[in-house]
Amino acid sequence: MPGLRRGFDYTLIVTNNGTFDNVSGFTVTDVLPAGTTFQSSGSTPGASVNGQTITYTNNTGLNNGGTQTFTIHVTTSSSLADGSVLHDSATGGHERNDGQ
């Protein structure tokens, strides 16, 4: 129905597929597509928000084989046309300081 703001979630899953435990932490950054707005309610707490860029930082690390899930709840603009396709991608990374 045109004019309604709809909400939905993006789910980001980080998996440590490496050979070692990550002890230095990591960041995950997602740039939301135009026509969406980040909502703290319903999202994983701790997001750093700068416009459409959402960043989560893990300072405790992630065990080898471990996963961490982040949920980003968004609403769509009331001007977004029905049937619009939204493209989204996220990046993750860490700095190695564990001697590996």
Protein backbone atom coordinates (compact mmCIF):
# COMPACT_ATOMS: atom_id res chain seq x y z
CA MET A 1 0.00 0.00 0.00
CA PRO A 2 1.63 3.28 -1.08
CA GLY A 3 2.49 5.72 1.68
CA LEU A 4 3.06 3.08 4.36
CA ARG A 5 6.43 2.72 6.03
CA ARG A 6 7.38 -0.92 6.19
CA GLY A 7 10.01 -2.44 8.42
CA PHE A 8 12.26 -5.43 7.97
CA ASP A 9 15.59 -6.81 9.15
CA TYR A 10 18.98 -7.38 7.59
CA THR A 11 20.86 -10.18 9.33
CA LEU A 12 24.66 -10.11 9.20
CA ILE A 13 26.45 -13.29 10.27
CA VAL A 14 30.20 -13.17 10.89
CA THR A 15 31.98 -16.53 10.93
CA ASN A 16 35.61 -17.13 11.84
CA ASN A 17 36.67 -19.68 9.23
CA GLY A 18 40.33 -19.11 9.97
CA THR A 19 42.82 -21.44 11.59
CA PHE A 20 43.11 -19.42 14.80
CA ASP A 21 40.88 -17.70 17.32
CA ASN A 22 40.42 -14.00 16.62
CA VAL A 23 41.55 -12.27 19.80
CA SER A 24 41.82 -8.72 18.49
CA GLY A 25 38.19 -8.14 17.51
CA PHE A 26 36.69 -7.02 14.22
CA THR A 27 34.32 -4.55 12.61
CA VAL A 28 31.33 -5.09 10.35
CA THR A 29 30.13 -2.22 8.15
CA ASP A 30 26.91 -2.10 6.17
CA VAL A 31 25.88 0.77 3.91
CA LEU A 32 22.09 0.76 3.77
CA PRO A 33 20.42 1.30 0.42
CA ALA A 34 18.66 4.55 -0.38
CA GLY A 35 15.04 4.48 0.70
CA THR A 36 15.78 2.76 4.03
CA THR A 37 16.28 4.22 7.50
CA PHE A 38 18.10 2.51 10.38
CA GLN A 39 15.98 1.88 13.47
CA SER A 40 17.73 1.22 16.79
CA SER A 41 14.62 -0.52 18.08
CA GLY A 42 14.82 -4.07 16.81
CA SER A 43 18.52 -3.81 15.93
CA THR A 44 21.46 -5.35 17.77
CA PRO A 45 22.61 -2.77 20.36
CA GLY A 46 25.93 -0.99 19.93
CA ALA A 47 25.72 0.24 16.33
CA SER A 48 27.64 3.29 15.26
CA VAL A 49 25.45 5.15 12.76
CA ASN A 50 26.68 7.75 10.28
CA GLY A 51 23.98 8.47 7.70
CA GLN A 52 23.39 5.22 5.80
CA THR A 53 26.58 3.60 7.17
CA ILE A 54 26.10 1.21 10.09
CA THR A 55 29.16 -0.17 11.89
CA TYR A 56 29.40 -2.75 14.63
CA THR A 57 32.67 -3.30 16.51
CA ASN A 58 33.57 -6.45 18.43
CA ASN A 59 36.52 -5.84 20.77
CA THR A 60 36.57 -9.28 22.36
CA GLY A 61 37.32 -11.48 19.35
CA LEU A 62 35.72 -14.58 17.90
CA ASN A 63 36.79 -18.18 18.46
CA ASN A 64 37.85 -20.31 15.51
CA GLY A 65 34.63 -21.71 14.04
CA GLY A 66 32.53 -19.24 16.02
CA THR A 67 29.83 -16.96 14.70
CA GLN A 68 28.31 -13.66 15.76
CA THR A 69 25.02 -12.36 14.42
CA PHE A 70 24.04 -8.70 14.01
CA THR A 71 20.51 -7.59 13.20
CA ILE A 72 19.86 -4.27 11.48
CA HIS A 73 16.21 -3.19 11.57
CA VAL A 74 15.17 -0.67 8.93
CA THR A 75 12.04 1.01 7.72
CA THR A 76 11.39 2.00 4.14
CA SER A 77 10.58 5.49 2.98
CA SER A 78 6.91 6.13 2.34
CA SER A 79 7.95 7.39 -1.11
CA LEU A 80 9.61 4.08 -2.04
CA ALA A 81 7.60 2.54 -4.86
CA ASP A 82 5.96 -0.84 -4.32
CA GLY A 83 8.02 -3.58 -5.91
CA SER A 84 11.31 -1.69 -5.53
CA VAL A 85 14.38 -3.91 -5.31
CA LEU A 86 16.86 -2.95 -2.59
CA HIS A 87 20.48 -4.10 -2.85
CA ASP A 88 22.60 -4.34 0.28
CA SER A 89 26.03 -5.70 1.10
CA ALA A 90 28.25 -5.61 4.17
CA THR A 91 31.99 -5.87 4.75
CA GLY A 92 33.93 -7.16 7.70
CA GLY A 93 37.53 -7.12 8.71
CA HIS A 94 40.10 -7.17 11.45
CA GLU A 95 43.68 -6.13 11.99
CA ARG A 96 46.00 -8.97 12.82
CA ASN A 97 47.95 -8.32 15.97
CA ASP A 98 48.15 -11.90 17.21
CA GLY A 99 51.46 -12.70 15.49
CA GLN A 100 49.79 -14.71 12.73
